[in-house]
């Protein structure tokens, strides 16, 4: 299946999607491409909020975009790999048999799959600002992210066993 079809299928059956993706083999280049695509989507989702901030604060937009580019395309991947490794160690401590690749892939796939919801979060933040609507949409993203991530971690442990 295509990536976009798998992204949408992840909301219904995340374990099946992760199992199918992991069956393609442990390819670090594929996992890294998924991570960077997710970081790119998150960066683009920040644009409306940054434009709003620049307009309201009467500051230049380009430095805000540059700082976010650095944070989301260079720092966030490092944090994501670290979080995936920590989740792998925690699951190993509880007796789960899974590879470090499976833990990384589950997190990266959850980041990419929830990208459309994060784009919605960015639009709400940019056009409406802080408030109830942003809280509701953010909570929706948060629940979907953890649903897909935890399901992916469970499936990665099952596939590796």
Protein backbone atom coordinates (compact mmCIF):
# COMPACT_ATOMS: atom_id res chain seq x y z
CA UNK A 1 0.00 0.00 0.00
CA UNK A 2 1.04 3.60 -0.43
CA UNK A 3 2.27 5.65 2.50
CA UNK A 4 -0.83 7.85 2.56
CA UNK A 5 -3.15 4.82 2.51
CA UNK A 6 -1.18 3.29 5.36
CA UNK A 7 -1.32 6.57 7.27
CA UNK A 8 -5.10 6.60 7.11
CA UNK A 9 -5.32 2.87 7.87
CA UNK A 10 -3.23 3.50 10.99
CA UNK A 11 -6.19 5.19 12.65
CA UNK A 12 -8.29 2.02 12.29
CA UNK A 13 -5.77 -0.82 12.51
CA UNK A 14 -2.37 0.49 13.61
CA UNK A 15 -1.02 -2.93 14.53
CA UNK A 16 -1.74 -4.36 11.08
CA UNK A 17 -0.07 -1.41 9.37
CA UNK A 18 3.04 -1.61 11.54
CA UNK A 19 3.22 -5.38 11.02
CA UNK A 20 3.01 -4.93 7.25
CA UNK A 21 5.65 -2.20 7.30
CA UNK A 22 7.98 -4.20 9.56
CA UNK A 23 7.58 -7.23 7.27
CA UNK A 24 9.36 -5.21 4.58
CA UNK A 25 12.55 -5.66 6.59
CA UNK A 26 14.67 -3.58 8.91
CA UNK A 27 15.78 -0.72 6.70
CA UNK A 28 17.25 2.24 8.57
CA UNK A 29 17.04 4.43 5.49
CA UNK A 30 13.28 3.87 5.31
CA UNK A 31 12.84 4.61 9.01
CA UNK A 32 14.95 7.77 8.71
CA UNK A 33 12.93 8.93 5.68
CA UNK A 34 9.71 8.45 7.67
CA UNK A 35 11.16 10.42 10.58
CA UNK A 36 12.31 13.29 8.37
CA UNK A 37 8.95 13.39 6.54
CA UNK A 38 7.19 13.60 9.91
CA UNK A 39 9.49 16.40 11.03
CA UNK A 40 8.85 18.21 7.74
CA UNK A 41 5.08 17.96 8.22
CA UNK A 42 5.40 19.26 11.78
CA UNK A 43 7.54 22.16 10.52
CA UNK A 44 4.96 23.10 7.88
CA UNK A 45 2.18 22.85 10.46
CA UNK A 46 3.90 25.54 12.54
CA UNK A 47 3.77 28.16 9.77
CA UNK A 48 0.30 29.61 10.52
CA UNK A 49 1.07 29.98 14.22
CA UNK A 50 4.44 31.56 13.49
CA UNK A 51 2.86 33.99 11.02
CA UNK A 52 0.28 34.94 13.64
CA UNK A 53 3.00 35.40 16.26
CA UNK A 54 5.11 37.54 13.93
CA UNK A 55 2.13 39.71 13.03
CA UNK A 56 0.94 40.21 16.60
CA UNK A 57 4.42 40.88 17.98
CA UNK A 58 5.41 43.05 14.99
CA UNK A 59 8.58 41.03 14.39
CA UNK A 60 10.16 39.53 11.30
CA UNK A 61 8.82 36.10 10.32
CA UNK A 62 12.06 34.71 8.84
CA UNK A 63 14.00 34.37 12.13
CA UNK A 64 11.03 32.54 13.66
CA UNK A 65 10.91 30.17 10.69
CA UNK A 66 14.66 29.63 10.85
CA UNK A 67 14.62 28.80 14.54
CA UNK A 68 11.74 26.38 14.05
CA UNK A 69 13.46 24.80 11.05
CA UNK A 70 16.53 24.11 13.16
CA UNK A 71 14.52 22.82 16.11
CA UNK A 72 12.21 20.59 14.10
CA UNK A 73 14.53 19.27 11.41
CA UNK A 74 17.73 18.87 13.45
CA UNK A 75 16.89 18.68 17.16
CA UNK A 76 13.54 16.83 17.01
CA UNK A 77 15.00 13.82 15.13
CA UNK A 78 17.67 13.46 17.83
CA UNK A 79 15.04 13.65 20.55
CA UNK A 80 12.84 11.15 18.72
CA UNK A 81 15.66 8.62 18.40
CA UNK A 82 16.47 9.09 22.09
CA UNK A 83 12.82 8.64 23.11
CA UNK A 84 12.54 5.52 20.96
CA UNK A 85 15.66 4.06 22.56
CA UNK A 86 14.39 4.81 26.07
CA UNK A 87 11.03 3.20 25.25
CA UNK A 88 12.92 0.19 23.91
CA UNK A 89 14.93 -0.10 27.15
CA UNK A 90 11.82 0.26 29.30
CA UNK A 91 9.98 -2.43 27.35
CA UNK A 92 13.02 -4.70 27.54
CA UNK A 93 13.12 -4.20 31.32
CA UNK A 94 9.52 -5.44 31.45
CA UNK A 95 10.39 -8.55 29.45
CA UNK A 96 9.19 -7.48 25.98
CA UNK A 97 11.25 -9.00 23.20
CA UNK A 98 11.62 -6.46 20.47
CA UNK A 99 14.34 -4.89 18.44
CA UNK A 100 15.51 -1.35 18.82
CA UNK A 101 14.51 -0.85 15.19
CA UNK A 102 10.92 -1.84 16.01
CA UNK A 103 10.76 0.75 18.78
CA UNK A 104 12.17 3.44 16.49
CA UNK A 105 9.85 2.53 13.65
CA UNK A 106 6.76 2.55 15.89
CA UNK A 107 7.53 6.07 17.12
CA UNK A 108 8.46 7.44 13.69
CA UNK A 109 5.37 5.91 12.11
CA UNK A 110 3.15 7.41 14.82
CA UNK A 111 4.71 10.81 14.18
CA UNK A 112 4.08 10.58 10.44
CA UNK A 113 0.62 9.03 10.69
CA UNK A 114 -0.66 11.78 12.95
CA UNK A 115 0.78 14.46 10.69
CA UNK A 116 -2.62 15.40 9.21
CA UNK A 117 -4.01 15.96 12.69
CA UNK A 118 -0.95 18.01 13.59
CA UNK A 119 -1.55 20.13 10.50
CA UNK A 120 -5.04 20.77 11.87
CA UNK A 121 -3.54 21.73 15.23
CA UNK A 122 -1.31 24.23 13.42
CA UNK A 123 -4.22 25.72 11.51
CA UNK A 124 -6.31 26.12 14.65
CA UNK A 125 -3.39 27.67 16.50
CA UNK A 126 -2.65 30.02 13.63
CA UNK A 127 -6.16 31.17 12.82
CA UNK A 128 -7.97 30.93 16.15
CA UNK A 129 -5.13 31.04 18.66
CA UNK A 130 -5.07 29.66 22.18
CA UNK A 131 -8.35 28.45 23.59
CA UNK A 132 -10.82 25.63 23.80
CA UNK A 133 -10.66 24.72 20.11
CA UNK A 134 -6.88 24.32 20.22
CA UNK A 135 -7.14 22.23 23.39
CA UNK A 136 -9.71 19.89 21.83
CA UNK A 137 -7.78 19.44 18.60
CA UNK A 138 -4.51 19.03 20.51
CA UNK A 139 -6.07 16.39 22.71
CA UNK A 140 -7.39 14.58 19.64
CA UNK A 141 -3.87 14.56 18.16
CA UNK A 142 -2.39 13.41 21.47
CA UNK A 143 -4.80 10.46 21.81
CA UNK A 144 -4.30 9.41 18.18
CA UNK A 145 -0.51 9.66 18.50
CA UNK A 146 -0.36 7.51 21.61
CA UNK A 147 -2.88 5.01 20.20
CA UNK A 148 -0.75 4.47 17.10
CA UNK A 149 2.58 4.56 18.98
CA UNK A 150 1.62 2.11 21.72
CA UNK A 151 -0.10 -0.19 19.21
CA UNK A 152 3.03 -0.07 17.06
CA UNK A 153 5.27 -0.88 20.02
CA UNK A 154 3.10 -3.86 20.93
CA UNK A 155 3.14 -5.12 17.36
CA UNK A 156 6.90 -4.60 17.03
CA UNK A 157 7.37 -6.73 20.15
CA UNK A 158 5.10 -9.43 18.74
CA UNK A 159 6.85 -9.47 15.37
CA UNK A 160 10.30 -9.72 16.98
CA UNK A 161 9.31 -12.56 19.34
